[in-house]
Amino acid sequence: MMGNNLPKATEVVELYKSNNITRMRIYDPNQAALQALKSSGIEVLLGVPNSDLQALASSSNANSWVQKNVKSFWPDVKFRYISVGNEVSPNTGATSNLAQFVLPAMRNIHNAISSAGLNDHIKVSTVIDLSLLGNSFPPSQGAFRGDIRGYLDPIIDFLVETKAPLLANIYPYFSYVGNSGELSLKYALFTAPGVVVQDGQKGYRNLFDAMLDALYSAVEKASGAQLQIVVSESGWPSEGGTKTSIDNAKTYSSNLIRHVKGGTPKKLGKAIETYLFAMFDENQKQPELEKHFGLFYPNQKPKYPLSFGGETIGDDSTPKICMFTF
């Protein structure tokens, strides 16, 4: 995390446990964090940093990485997924040179996990964002951009083959800000009074569902009809940008937590595994709004009361369902 005033890893794990938060995403194999997670019972989505992708395209390096960062901690640390790369795109300047390494690294990490006898416990995937979509409206017409199909289709084939989910960062906030002339704030915050978008027989009352179902439609068109999607990040900043406030952040987060239990119009009744971003504000990020996604302040106090199934952080509570990123 990018902050110089954040709690120690052991304190963070205790904060998770005290709030009955049972899943965590970490973006790299930070050894202090992994040590602190031992025997915590917290399930972990462990990230392979983009900077490691080229090295892990070598099978020997991947075997060493899994030995050091996974096998040596298992079963004391309950790994759930390994995400190989975050938001890599073959046509985005910052990551375009890394796209060629993503699938080889995924295969090598998967093979190393399998060789360790952990394939039934840990699934290997990668994280995308929705900039890879060429069309997202209406949701049923969601489709990937033609210029990334050569990169993404083989990844989807691999995930189908290994029965692993696709991980996706989904932010209605950024979609709303980029299209505020066309999208209402209530639609983005789950507070629209009725259907906003009618797509055939399916009615959409919130932007999150529309974005996720557009991605499901795109995945189906890429031969991934059986693929599950896990929302690996979603959140709303509390200051620093357009329509950022503690009230809006609270409204989004609390409504998201309630909503994901029931699925989307396309996947009605199927709960959506979702990781809220982020656990803490991070004072070294840029631009300014990126500093303010935290649900907690660095002093471990909740930024706002947040209800989890009738119980509330900030009111001496123990929420039963939630997944945060750290």
C-alpha atoms as a PDB file:
ATOM      1  CA  MET A   1       0.000   0.000   0.000  1.00  0.00           C
ATOM      2  CA  MET A   2       1.121   3.535  -0.736  1.00  0.00           C
ATOM      3  CA  GLY A   3       1.071   5.289   2.607  1.00  0.00           C
ATOM      4  CA  ASN A   4       3.624   6.257   5.247  1.00  0.00           C
ATOM      5  CA  ASN A   5       1.234   6.225   8.199  1.00  0.00           C
ATOM      6  CA  LEU A   6      -0.411   2.810   7.896  1.00  0.00           C
ATOM      7  CA  PRO A   7      -0.742   0.166  10.633  1.00  0.00           C
ATOM      8  CA  LYS A   8       1.625  -2.783  10.903  1.00  0.00           C
ATOM      9  CA  ALA A   9       0.591  -5.964   9.120  1.00  0.00           C
ATOM     10  CA  THR A  10      -0.132  -7.701  12.426  1.00  0.00           C
ATOM     11  CA  GLU A  11      -2.458  -4.854  13.428  1.00  0.00           C
ATOM     12  CA  VAL A  12      -4.255  -4.995  10.082  1.00  0.00           C
ATOM     13  CA  VAL A  13      -4.891  -8.721  10.440  1.00  0.00           C
ATOM     14  CA  GLU A  14      -6.231  -8.176  13.949  1.00  0.00           C
ATOM     15  CA  LEU A  15      -8.541  -5.459  12.604  1.00  0.00           C
ATOM     16  CA  TYR A  16      -9.871  -7.903   9.997  1.00  0.00           C
ATOM     17  CA  LYS A  17     -10.409 -10.566  12.618  1.00  0.00           C
ATOM     18  CA  SER A  18     -12.096  -8.208  15.082  1.00  0.00           C
ATOM     19  CA  ASN A  19     -14.573  -7.273  12.363  1.00  0.00           C
ATOM     20  CA  ASN A  20     -15.032 -10.860  11.097  1.00  0.00           C
ATOM     21  CA  ILE A  21     -13.691  -9.906   7.673  1.00  0.00           C
ATOM     22  CA  THR A  22     -12.772 -13.250   6.168  1.00  0.00           C
ATOM     23  CA  ARG A  23     -11.112 -12.421   2.832  1.00  0.00           C
ATOM     24  CA  MET A  24      -8.262 -10.136   1.843  1.00  0.00           C
ATOM     25  CA  ARG A  25      -6.601  -9.069  -1.385  1.00  0.00           C
ATOM     26  CA  ILE A  26      -2.889  -8.238  -1.271  1.00  0.00           C
ATOM     27  CA  TYR A  27      -1.104  -6.949  -4.347  1.00  0.00           C
ATOM     28  CA  ASP A  28       2.282  -8.586  -3.859  1.00  0.00           C
ATOM     29  CA  PRO A  29       3.763 -11.331  -1.668  1.00  0.00           C
ATOM     30  CA  ASN A  30       4.735  -9.004   1.164  1.00  0.00           C
ATOM     31  CA  GLN A  31       6.455 -11.317   3.606  1.00  0.00           C
ATOM     32  CA  ALA A  32       5.393  -9.421   6.728  1.00  0.00           C
ATOM     33  CA  ALA A  33       1.766  -9.566   5.609  1.00  0.00           C
ATOM     34  CA  LEU A  34       1.975 -13.285   4.832  1.00  0.00           C
ATOM     35  CA  GLN A  35       3.579 -13.975   8.207  1.00  0.00           C
ATOM     36  CA  ALA A  36       0.843 -11.998   9.946  1.00  0.00           C
ATOM     37  CA  LEU A  37      -1.833 -13.960   8.075  1.00  0.00           C
ATOM     38  CA  LYS A  38      -0.651 -17.312   9.399  1.00  0.00           C
ATOM     39  CA  SER A  39      -3.399 -19.139  11.300  1.00  0.00           C
ATOM     40  CA  SER A  40      -5.741 -16.146  10.880  1.00  0.00           C
ATOM     41  CA  GLY A  41      -8.334 -18.086   8.877  1.00  0.00           C
ATOM     42  CA  ILE A  42      -8.478 -15.223   6.366  1.00  0.00           C
ATOM     43  CA  GLU A  43      -8.654 -16.318   2.723  1.00  0.00           C
ATOM     44  CA  VAL A  44      -6.176 -14.490   0.505  1.00  0.00           C
ATOM     45  CA  LEU A  45      -6.217 -13.239  -3.069  1.00  0.00           C
ATOM     46  CA  LEU A  46      -2.467 -12.926  -3.668  1.00  0.00           C
ATOM     47  CA  GLY A  47      -1.150 -10.723  -6.455  1.00  0.00           C
ATOM     48  CA  VAL A  48       1.824 -11.212  -8.743  1.00  0.00           C
ATOM     49  CA  PRO A  49       3.066  -7.654  -9.444  1.00  0.00           C
ATOM     50  CA  ASN A  50       3.305  -6.583 -13.071  1.00  0.00           C
ATOM     51  CA  SER A  51       7.021  -6.080 -12.535  1.00  0.00           C
ATOM     52  CA  ASP A  52       7.432  -9.852 -11.981  1.00  0.00           C
ATOM     53  CA  LEU A  53       5.573 -11.034 -15.094  1.00  0.00           C
ATOM     54  CA  GLN A  54       8.552 -11.306 -17.415  1.00  0.00           C
ATOM     55  CA  ALA A  55      10.574 -13.301 -14.898  1.00  0.00           C
ATOM     56  CA  LEU A  56       7.675 -15.686 -14.225  1.00  0.00           C
ATOM     57  CA  ALA A  57       7.363 -16.494 -17.909  1.00  0.00           C
ATOM     58  CA  SER A  58      10.256 -18.810 -17.013  1.00  0.00           C
ATOM     59  CA  SER A  59       9.009 -22.031 -15.417  1.00  0.00           C
ATOM     60  CA  SER A  60      11.975 -22.288 -13.036  1.00  0.00           C
ATOM     61  CA  ASN A  61      11.335 -18.781 -11.721  1.00  0.00           C
ATOM     62  CA  ALA A  62       7.650 -19.564 -11.314  1.00  0.00           C
ATOM     63  CA  ASN A  63       8.458 -22.711  -9.337  1.00  0.00           C
ATOM     64  CA  SER A  64      10.725 -20.706  -7.039  1.00  0.00           C
ATOM     65  CA  TRP A  65       8.087 -17.981  -6.634  1.00  0.00           C
ATOM     66  CA  VAL A  66       5.417 -20.498  -5.627  1.00  0.00           C
ATOM     67  CA  GLN A  67       7.799 -22.283  -3.276  1.00  0.00           C
ATOM     68  CA  LYS A  68       8.769 -19.037  -1.521  1.00  0.00           C
ATOM     69  CA  ASN A  69       5.452 -17.223  -1.434  1.00  0.00           C
ATOM     70  CA  VAL A  70       2.794 -19.935  -1.417  1.00  0.00           C
ATOM     71  CA  LYS A  71       3.972 -23.399  -0.510  1.00  0.00           C
ATOM     72  CA  SER A  72       6.119 -22.258   2.414  1.00  0.00           C
ATOM     73  CA  PHE A  73       3.061 -20.579   3.985  1.00  0.00           C
ATOM     74  CA  TRP A  74       0.444 -23.216   3.151  1.00  0.00           C
ATOM     75  CA  PRO A  75      -1.748 -24.346   4.914  1.00  0.00           C
ATOM     76  CA  ASP A  76      -1.211 -21.735   7.645  1.00  0.00           C
ATOM     77  CA  VAL A  77      -2.197 -19.088   5.094  1.00  0.00           C
ATOM     78  CA  LYS A  78      -5.388 -19.899   3.187  1.00  0.00           C
ATOM     79  CA  PHE A  79      -4.686 -18.796  -0.383  1.00  0.00           C
ATOM     80  CA  ARG A  80      -7.832 -18.608  -2.534  1.00  0.00           C
ATOM     81  CA  TYR A  81      -6.599 -17.080  -5.790  1.00  0.00           C
ATOM     82  CA  ILE A  82      -3.334 -15.947  -7.312  1.00  0.00           C
ATOM     83  CA  SER A  83      -3.790 -13.008  -9.682  1.00  0.00           C
ATOM     84  CA  VAL A  84      -1.008 -12.892 -12.257  1.00  0.00           C
ATOM     85  CA  GLY A  85      -0.784  -9.233 -13.245  1.00  0.00           C
ATOM     86  CA  ASN A  86      -3.160  -6.343 -12.643  1.00  0.00           C
ATOM     87  CA  GLU A  87      -4.928  -4.455 -15.457  1.00  0.00           C
ATOM     88  CA  VAL A  88      -2.418  -5.384 -18.159  1.00  0.00           C
ATOM     89  CA  SER A  89      -3.439  -4.360 -21.668  1.00  0.00           C
ATOM     90  CA  PRO A  90      -1.563  -4.918 -24.933  1.00  0.00           C
ATOM     91  CA  ASN A  91      -2.521  -1.414 -26.049  1.00  0.00           C
ATOM     92  CA  THR A  92      -1.876   0.590 -22.880  1.00  0.00           C
ATOM     93  CA  GLY A  93       1.520   2.239 -22.850  1.00  0.00           C
ATOM     94  CA  ALA A  94       2.432   1.431 -19.258  1.00  0.00           C
ATOM     95  CA  THR A  95       1.735  -2.297 -19.585  1.00  0.00           C
ATOM     96  CA  SER A  96       1.702  -3.057 -23.320  1.00  0.00           C
ATOM     97  CA  ASN A  97       5.203  -4.538 -23.235  1.00  0.00           C
ATOM     98  CA  LEU A  98       4.110  -6.947 -20.474  1.00  0.00           C
ATOM     99  CA  ALA A  99       1.048  -8.439 -22.171  1.00  0.00           C
ATOM    100  CA  GLN A 100       3.093 -11.123 -23.920  1.00  0.00           C
ATOM    101  CA  PHE A 101       4.174 -12.516 -20.528  1.00  0.00           C
ATOM    102  CA  VAL A 102       0.793 -12.741 -18.777  1.00  0.00           C
ATOM    103  CA  LEU A 103      -0.471 -16.083 -20.111  1.00  0.00           C
ATOM    104  CA  PRO A 104       2.941 -17.850 -19.956  1.00  0.00           C
ATOM    105  CA  ALA A 105       3.305 -16.660 -16.352  1.00  0.00           C
ATOM    106  CA  MET A 106      -0.236 -17.823 -15.541  1.00  0.00           C
ATOM    107  CA  ARG A 107       0.487 -21.258 -16.988  1.00  0.00           C
ATOM    108  CA  ASN A 108       3.765 -21.543 -15.101  1.00  0.00           C
ATOM    109  CA  ILE A 109       2.256 -20.485 -11.773  1.00  0.00           C
ATOM    110  CA  HIS A 110      -0.663 -22.880 -12.348  1.00  0.00           C
ATOM    111  CA  ASN A 111       1.727 -25.739 -13.126  1.00  0.00           C
ATOM    112  CA  ALA A 112       3.776 -24.976 -10.023  1.00  0.00           C
ATOM    113  CA  ILE A 113       0.619 -24.902  -7.891  1.00  0.00           C
ATOM    114  CA  SER A 114      -0.460 -28.219  -9.415  1.00  0.00           C
ATOM    115  CA  SER A 115       2.956 -29.787  -8.792  1.00  0.00           C
ATOM    116  CA  ALA A 116       2.633 -28.746  -5.153  1.00  0.00           C
ATOM    117  CA  GLY A 117      -0.690 -30.581  -4.962  1.00  0.00           C
ATOM    118  CA  LEU A 118      -2.673 -27.381  -4.374  1.00  0.00           C
ATOM    119  CA  ASN A 119      -4.655 -27.091  -7.592  1.00  0.00           C
ATOM    120  CA  ASP A 120      -7.908 -28.027  -5.873  1.00  0.00           C
ATOM    121  CA  HIS A 121      -7.394 -25.238  -3.340  1.00  0.00           C
ATOM    122  CA  ILE A 122      -5.855 -22.319  -5.276  1.00  0.00           C
ATOM    123  CA  LYS A 123      -6.958 -20.965  -8.657  1.00  0.00           C
ATOM    124  CA  VAL A 124      -4.729 -18.874 -10.913  1.00  0.00           C
ATOM    125  CA  SER A 125      -6.148 -15.919 -12.827  1.00  0.00           C
ATOM    126  CA  THR A 126      -5.417 -12.330 -13.870  1.00  0.00           C
ATOM    127  CA  VAL A 127      -7.130  -8.992 -13.240  1.00  0.00           C
ATOM    128  CA  ILE A 128      -8.607  -6.905 -16.042  1.00  0.00           C
ATOM    129  CA  ASP A 129     -10.427  -3.579 -16.124  1.00  0.00           C
ATOM    130  CA  LEU A 130     -13.323  -2.584 -18.324  1.00  0.00           C
ATOM    131  CA  SER A 131     -11.224  -0.489 -20.695  1.00  0.00           C
ATOM    132  CA  LEU A 132     -10.889  -3.776 -22.627  1.00  0.00           C
ATOM    133  CA  LEU A 133     -14.553  -3.534 -23.605  1.00  0.00           C
ATOM    134  CA  GLY A 134     -15.287  -2.069 -27.018  1.00  0.00           C
ATOM    135  CA  ASN A 135     -19.021  -1.940 -26.345  1.00  0.00           C
ATOM    136  CA  SER A 136     -20.859  -1.971 -23.025  1.00  0.00           C
ATOM    137  CA  PHE A 137     -24.334  -0.652 -23.866  1.00  0.00           C
ATOM    138  CA  PRO A 138     -26.775  -2.155 -23.630  1.00  0.00           C
ATOM    139  CA  PRO A 139     -25.319  -4.847 -21.358  1.00  0.00           C
ATOM    140  CA  SER A 140     -26.459  -7.683 -23.628  1.00  0.00           C
ATOM    141  CA  GLN A 141     -24.299  -6.217 -26.399  1.00  0.00           C
ATOM    142  CA  GLY A 142     -21.144  -6.103 -24.316  1.00  0.00           C
ATOM    143  CA  ALA A 143     -18.098  -7.072 -26.378  1.00  0.00           C
ATOM    144  CA  PHE A 144     -14.328  -6.851 -26.091  1.00  0.00           C
ATOM    145  CA  ARG A 145     -12.365  -4.556 -28.371  1.00  0.00           C
ATOM    146  CA  GLY A 146     -11.187  -6.298 -31.486  1.00  0.00           C
ATOM    147  CA  ASP A 147      -7.599  -5.195 -30.953  1.00  0.00           C
ATOM    148  CA  ILE A 148      -7.273  -7.058 -27.636  1.00  0.00           C
ATOM    149  CA  ARG A 149      -8.984 -10.333 -28.591  1.00  0.00           C
ATOM    150  CA  GLY A 150      -5.691 -11.941 -29.569  1.00  0.00           C
ATOM    151  CA  TYR A 151      -4.424 -11.236 -26.046  1.00  0.00           C
ATOM    152  CA  LEU A 152      -7.537 -11.990 -24.018  1.00  0.00           C
ATOM    153  CA  ASP A 153      -9.217 -14.920 -25.790  1.00  0.00           C
ATOM    154  CA  PRO A 154      -6.390 -17.383 -24.988  1.00  0.00           C
ATOM    155  CA  ILE A 155      -6.507 -16.232 -21.356  1.00  0.00           C
ATOM    156  CA  ILE A 156     -10.250 -16.913 -21.240  1.00  0.00           C
ATOM    157  CA  ASP A 157      -9.657 -20.350 -22.796  1.00  0.00           C
ATOM    158  CA  PHE A 158      -7.077 -21.078 -20.082  1.00  0.00           C
ATOM    159  CA  LEU A 159      -9.450 -19.991 -17.297  1.00  0.00           C
ATOM    160  CA  VAL A 160     -12.242 -22.171 -18.695  1.00  0.00           C
ATOM    161  CA  GLU A 161      -9.827 -25.110 -18.947  1.00  0.00           C
ATOM    162  CA  THR A 162      -8.634 -24.706 -15.341  1.00  0.00           C
ATOM    163  CA  LYS A 163     -12.069 -23.763 -13.926  1.00  0.00           C
ATOM    164  CA  ALA A 164     -10.717 -20.505 -12.548  1.00  0.00           C
ATOM    165  CA  PRO A 165     -12.649 -17.210 -12.460  1.00  0.00           C
ATOM    166  CA  LEU A 166     -11.794 -14.047 -14.341  1.00  0.00           C
ATOM    167  CA  LEU A 167     -10.960 -11.196 -11.946  1.00  0.00           C
ATOM    168  CA  ALA A 168     -12.220  -7.725 -12.864  1.00  0.00           C
ATOM    169  CA  ASN A 169     -11.915  -4.276 -11.300  1.00  0.00           C
ATOM    170  CA  ILE A 170     -15.292  -2.557 -11.690  1.00  0.00           C
ATOM    171  CA  TYR A 171     -15.757   1.094 -10.743  1.00  0.00           C
ATOM    172  CA  PRO A 172     -19.113   2.729 -11.422  1.00  0.00           C
ATOM    173  CA  TYR A 173     -17.564   5.896  -9.963  1.00  0.00           C
ATOM    174  CA  PHE A 174     -15.163   6.359 -12.883  1.00  0.00           C
ATOM    175  CA  SER A 175     -17.805   5.387 -15.432  1.00  0.00           C
ATOM    176  CA  TYR A 176     -20.184   7.947 -13.935  1.00  0.00           C
ATOM    177  CA  VAL A 177     -17.584  10.731 -13.848  1.00  0.00           C
ATOM    178  CA  GLY A 178     -16.633  10.047 -17.461  1.00  0.00           C
ATOM    179  CA  ASN A 179     -20.267  10.076 -18.606  1.00  0.00           C
ATOM    180  CA  SER A 180     -22.024  12.339 -16.100  1.00  0.00           C
ATOM    181  CA  GLY A 181     -24.018  13.963 -18.875  1.00  0.00           C
ATOM    182  CA  GLU A 182     -25.638  10.610 -19.640  1.00  0.00           C
ATOM    183  CA  LEU A 183     -25.601   8.762 -16.307  1.00  0.00           C
ATOM    184  CA  SER A 184     -27.304   9.858 -13.089  1.00  0.00           C
ATOM    185  CA  LEU A 185     -25.608   9.810  -9.701  1.00  0.00           C
ATOM    186  CA  LYS A 186     -28.489   7.785  -8.285  1.00  0.00           C
ATOM    187  CA  TYR A 187     -27.916   5.112 -10.950  1.00  0.00           C
ATOM    188  CA  ALA A 188     -24.257   4.916  -9.885  1.00  0.00           C
ATOM    189  CA  LEU A 189     -25.043   4.826  -6.143  1.00  0.00           C
ATOM    190  CA  PHE A 190     -27.755   2.104  -6.258  1.00  0.00           C
ATOM    191  CA  THR A 191     -30.400   4.676  -5.273  1.00  0.00           C
ATOM    192  CA  ALA A 192     -32.389   5.002  -8.522  1.00  0.00           C
ATOM    193  CA  PRO A 193     -36.110   4.605  -7.727  1.00  0.00           C
ATOM    194  CA  GLY A 194     -36.780   2.286 -10.658  1.00  0.00           C
ATOM    195  CA  VAL A 195     -35.437   0.733 -13.821  1.00  0.00           C
ATOM    196  CA  VAL A 196     -33.056   3.085 -15.644  1.00  0.00           C
ATOM    197  CA  VAL A 197     -31.984   0.862 -18.552  1.00  0.00           C
ATOM    198  CA  GLN A 198     -34.297  -1.687 -20.126  1.00  0.00           C
ATOM    199  CA  ASP A 199     -32.390  -4.323 -22.085  1.00  0.00           C
ATOM    200  CA  GLY A 200     -34.847  -6.802 -23.551  1.00  0.00           C
ATOM    201  CA  GLN A 201     -36.479  -8.578 -20.617  1.00  0.00           C
ATOM    202  CA  LYS A 202     -33.843  -7.366 -18.172  1.00  0.00           C
ATOM    203  CA  GLY A 203     -34.187  -4.099 -16.272  1.00  0.00           C
ATOM    204  CA  TYR A 204     -31.161  -2.326 -14.776  1.00  0.00           C
ATOM    205  CA  ARG A 205     -31.554  -0.161 -11.684  1.00  0.00           C
ATOM    206  CA  ASN A 206     -27.827   0.420 -11.067  1.00  0.00           C
ATOM    207  CA  LEU A 207     -24.653   0.961 -13.042  1.00  0.00           C
ATOM    208  CA  PHE A 208     -22.682  -1.790 -11.269  1.00  0.00           C
ATOM    209  CA  ASP A 209     -25.004  -4.494 -12.614  1.00  0.00           C
ATOM    210  CA  ALA A 210     -24.942  -3.019 -16.094  1.00  0.00           C
ATOM    211  CA  MET A 211     -21.121  -2.948 -16.137  1.00  0.00           C
ATOM    212  CA  LEU A 212     -20.764  -6.478 -14.795  1.00  0.00           C
ATOM    213  CA  ASP A 213     -23.374  -7.931 -17.158  1.00  0.00           C
ATOM    214  CA  ALA A 214     -21.728  -6.167 -20.120  1.00  0.00           C
ATOM    215  CA  LEU A 215     -18.536  -7.969 -19.143  1.00  0.00           C
ATOM    216  CA  TYR A 216     -20.389 -11.288 -18.856  1.00  0.00           C
ATOM    217  CA  SER A 217     -21.796 -10.726 -22.355  1.00  0.00           C
ATOM    218  CA  ALA A 218     -18.321 -10.013 -23.706  1.00  0.00           C
ATOM    219  CA  VAL A 219     -16.889 -13.121 -22.042  1.00  0.00           C
ATOM    220  CA  GLU A 220     -19.684 -15.236 -23.541  1.00  0.00           C
ATOM    221  CA  LYS A 221     -18.826 -13.942 -27.015  1.00  0.00           C
ATOM    222  CA  ALA A 222     -15.227 -15.019 -26.371  1.00  0.00           C
ATOM    223  CA  SER A 223     -16.236 -18.652 -25.650  1.00  0.00           C
ATOM    224  CA  GLY A 224     -16.346 -18.138 -21.883  1.00  0.00           C
ATOM    225  CA  ALA A 225     -20.031 -18.775 -21.214  1.00  0.00           C
ATOM    226  CA  GLN A 226     -19.227 -20.942 -18.173  1.00  0.00           C
ATOM    227  CA  LEU A 227     -16.711 -18.502 -16.720  1.00  0.00           C
ATOM    228  CA  GLN A 228     -17.332 -16.947 -13.310  1.00  0.00           C
ATOM    229  CA  ILE A 229     -16.339 -13.318 -12.771  1.00  0.00           C
ATOM    230  CA  VAL A 230     -15.018 -12.157  -9.400  1.00  0.00           C
ATOM    231  CA  VAL A 231     -15.069  -8.407  -8.773  1.00  0.00           C
ATOM    232  CA  SER A 232     -11.539  -7.874  -7.504  1.00  0.00           C
ATOM    233  CA  GLU A 233     -11.963  -4.143  -6.774  1.00  0.00           C
ATOM    234  CA  SER A 234     -14.832  -1.728  -6.377  1.00  0.00           C
ATOM    235  CA  GLY A 235     -15.213   1.416  -4.318  1.00  0.00           C
ATOM    236  CA  TRP A 236     -16.007   5.139  -4.163  1.00  0.00           C
ATOM    237  CA  PRO A 237     -13.610   7.886  -2.990  1.00  0.00           C
ATOM    238  CA  SER A 238     -14.664  10.123  -0.109  1.00  0.00           C
ATOM    239  CA  GLU A 239     -12.917  13.293  -1.345  1.00  0.00           C
ATOM    240  CA  GLY A 240     -10.617  14.687  -3.995  1.00  0.00           C
ATOM    241  CA  GLY A 241     -12.820  14.602  -7.101  1.00  0.00           C
ATOM    242  CA  THR A 242     -16.232  14.990  -8.699  1.00  0.00           C
ATOM    243  CA  LYS A 243     -19.095  13.811  -6.451  1.00  0.00           C
ATOM    244  CA  THR A 244     -16.657  12.557  -3.819  1.00  0.00           C
ATOM    245  CA  SER A 245     -17.957  12.785  -0.274  1.00  0.00           C
ATOM    246  CA  ILE A 246     -18.133  10.638   2.809  1.00  0.00           C
ATOM    247  CA  ASP A 247     -21.887  10.386   2.304  1.00  0.00           C
ATOM    248  CA  ASN A 248     -21.565   9.159  -1.295  1.00  0.00           C
ATOM    249  CA  ALA A 249     -18.793   6.713  -0.355  1.00  0.00           C
ATOM    250  CA  LYS A 250     -20.906   5.341   2.474  1.00  0.00           C
ATOM    251  CA  THR A 251     -23.984   5.077   0.235  1.00  0.00           C
ATOM    252  CA  TYR A 252     -22.082   3.219  -2.476  1.00  0.00           C
ATOM    253  CA  SER A 253     -20.267   0.805  -0.168  1.00  0.00           C
ATOM    254  CA  SER A 254     -23.262  -0.058   2.002  1.00  0.00           C
ATOM    255  CA  ASN A 255     -25.537  -0.545  -0.994  1.00  0.00           C
ATOM    256  CA  LEU A 256     -22.936  -2.629  -2.812  1.00  0.00           C
ATOM    257  CA  ILE A 257     -22.563  -4.947   0.185  1.00  0.00           C
ATOM    258  CA  ARG A 258     -26.308  -5.479   0.349  1.00  0.00           C
ATOM    259  CA  HIS A 259     -26.703  -5.803  -3.405  1.00  0.00           C
ATOM    260  CA  VAL A 260     -24.058  -8.386  -4.299  1.00  0.00           C
ATOM    261  CA  LYS A 261     -25.858 -11.116  -2.379  1.00  0.00           C
ATOM    262  CA  GLY A 262     -28.611 -11.199  -4.997  1.00  0.00           C
ATOM    263  CA  GLY A 263     -26.643 -11.190  -8.270  1.00  0.00           C
ATOM    264  CA  THR A 264     -27.241  -9.238 -11.470  1.00  0.00           C
ATOM    265  CA  PRO A 265     -30.178  -9.391 -13.910  1.00  0.00           C
ATOM    266  CA  LYS A 266     -28.092 -11.711 -16.085  1.00  0.00           C
ATOM    267  CA  LYS A 267     -27.061 -13.904 -13.140  1.00  0.00           C
ATOM    268  CA  LEU A 268     -30.079 -13.473 -10.897  1.00  0.00           C
ATOM    269  CA  GLY A 269     -29.771 -15.109  -7.501  1.00  0.00           C
ATOM    270  CA  LYS A 270     -26.051 -15.840  -7.894  1.00  0.00           C
ATOM    271  CA  ALA A 271     -24.049 -13.949  -5.273  1.00  0.00           C
ATOM    272  CA  ILE A 272     -21.178 -11.862  -6.624  1.00  0.00           C
ATOM    273  CA  GLU A 273     -17.835 -12.368  -4.923  1.00  0.00           C
ATOM    274  CA  THR A 274     -16.670  -8.773  -4.496  1.00  0.00           C
ATOM    275  CA  TYR A 275     -13.630  -7.127  -2.926  1.00  0.00           C
ATOM    276  CA  LEU A 276     -14.120  -3.582  -1.664  1.00  0.00           C
ATOM    277  CA  PHE A 277     -11.315  -1.130  -2.319  1.00  0.00           C
ATOM    278  CA  ALA A 278      -9.716  -0.179  -0.038  1.00  0.00           C
ATOM    279  CA  MET A 279      -9.117  -0.928   3.610  1.00  0.00           C
ATOM    280  CA  PHE A 280      -7.276   2.346   4.336  1.00  0.00           C
ATOM    281  CA  ASP A 281      -6.700   5.768   2.849  1.00  0.00           C
ATOM    282  CA  GLU A 282      -3.242   5.922   1.222  1.00  0.00           C
ATOM    283  CA  ASN A 283      -1.610   9.329   1.553  1.00  0.00           C
ATOM    284  CA  GLN A 284       1.160   8.788  -1.009  1.00  0.00           C
ATOM    285  CA  LYS A 285      -1.068   8.071  -4.005  1.00  0.00           C
ATOM    286  CA  GLN A 286      -1.787  10.435  -6.874  1.00  0.00           C
ATOM    287  CA  PRO A 287      -4.036  12.002  -8.066  1.00  0.00           C
ATOM    288  CA  GLU A 288      -5.695  13.315  -4.932  1.00  0.00           C
ATOM    289  CA  LEU A 289      -8.883  11.241  -5.086  1.00  0.00           C
ATOM    290  CA  GLU A 290      -6.802   8.035  -5.141  1.00  0.00           C
ATOM    291  CA  LYS A 291      -5.790   8.800  -1.553  1.00  0.00           C
ATOM    292  CA  HIS A 292      -9.359   8.567  -0.292  1.00  0.00           C
ATOM    293  CA  PHE A 293     -10.848   5.150  -1.107  1.00  0.00           C
ATOM    294  CA  GLY A 294     -10.332   3.775   2.398  1.00  0.00           C
ATOM    295  CA  LEU A 295     -13.127   2.465   4.585  1.00  0.00           C
ATOM    296  CA  PHE A 296     -10.828   3.029   7.553  1.00  0.00           C
ATOM    297  CA  TYR A 297      -8.480   5.832   8.469  1.00  0.00           C
ATOM    298  CA  PRO A 298      -4.851   4.815   9.050  1.00  0.00           C
ATOM    299  CA  ASN A 299      -5.526   5.023  12.812  1.00  0.00           C
ATOM    300  CA  GLN A 300      -7.901   2.054  12.252  1.00  0.00           C
ATOM    301  CA  LYS A 301     -11.028   4.091  12.972  1.00  0.00           C
ATOM    302  CA  PRO A 302     -13.875   3.579  10.483  1.00  0.00           C
ATOM    303  CA  LYS A 303     -14.426   6.526   8.158  1.00  0.00           C
ATOM    304  CA  TYR A 304     -18.192   6.057   8.410  1.00  0.00           C
ATOM    305  CA  PRO A 305     -20.599   3.517   9.907  1.00  0.00           C
ATOM    306  CA  LEU A 306     -21.023   0.665   7.467  1.00  0.00           C
ATOM    307  CA  SER A 307     -23.785  -1.903   7.808  1.00  0.00           C
ATOM    308  CA  PHE A 308     -23.179  -5.596   7.131  1.00  0.00           C
ATOM    309  CA  GLY A 309     -26.409  -7.568   7.321  1.00  0.00           C
ATOM    310  CA  GLY A 310     -27.840  -5.408  10.067  1.00  0.00           C
ATOM    311  CA  GLU A 311     -24.584  -4.917  12.001  1.00  0.00           C
ATOM    312  CA  THR A 312     -22.388  -1.859  11.758  1.00  0.00           C
ATOM    313  CA  ILE A 313     -18.685  -1.033  11.781  1.00  0.00           C
ATOM    314  CA  GLY A 314     -18.183   1.893  14.123  1.00  0.00           C
ATOM    315  CA  ASP A 315     -20.956   0.852  16.491  1.00  0.00           C
ATOM    316  CA  ASP A 316     -19.214  -1.943  18.434  1.00  0.00           C
ATOM    317  CA  SER A 317     -20.270  -4.448  15.819  1.00  0.00           C
ATOM    318  CA  THR A 318     -19.023  -7.636  14.213  1.00  0.00           C
ATOM    319  CA  PRO A 319     -19.972  -7.680  10.527  1.00  0.00           C
ATOM    320  CA  LYS A 320     -20.438 -11.150   9.102  1.00  0.00           C
ATOM    321  CA  ILE A 321     -19.923 -10.605   5.385  1.00  0.00           C
ATOM    322  CA  CYS A 322     -17.397  -8.430   3.659  1.00  0.00           C
ATOM    323  CA  MET A 323     -14.200  -8.636   1.681  1.00  0.00           C
ATOM    324  CA  PHE A 324     -11.698  -5.798   1.586  1.00  0.00           C
ATOM    325  CA  THR A 325      -8.504  -5.108  -0.290  1.00  0.00           C
ATOM    326  CA  PHE A 326      -5.308  -4.376   1.615  1.00  0.00           C
END
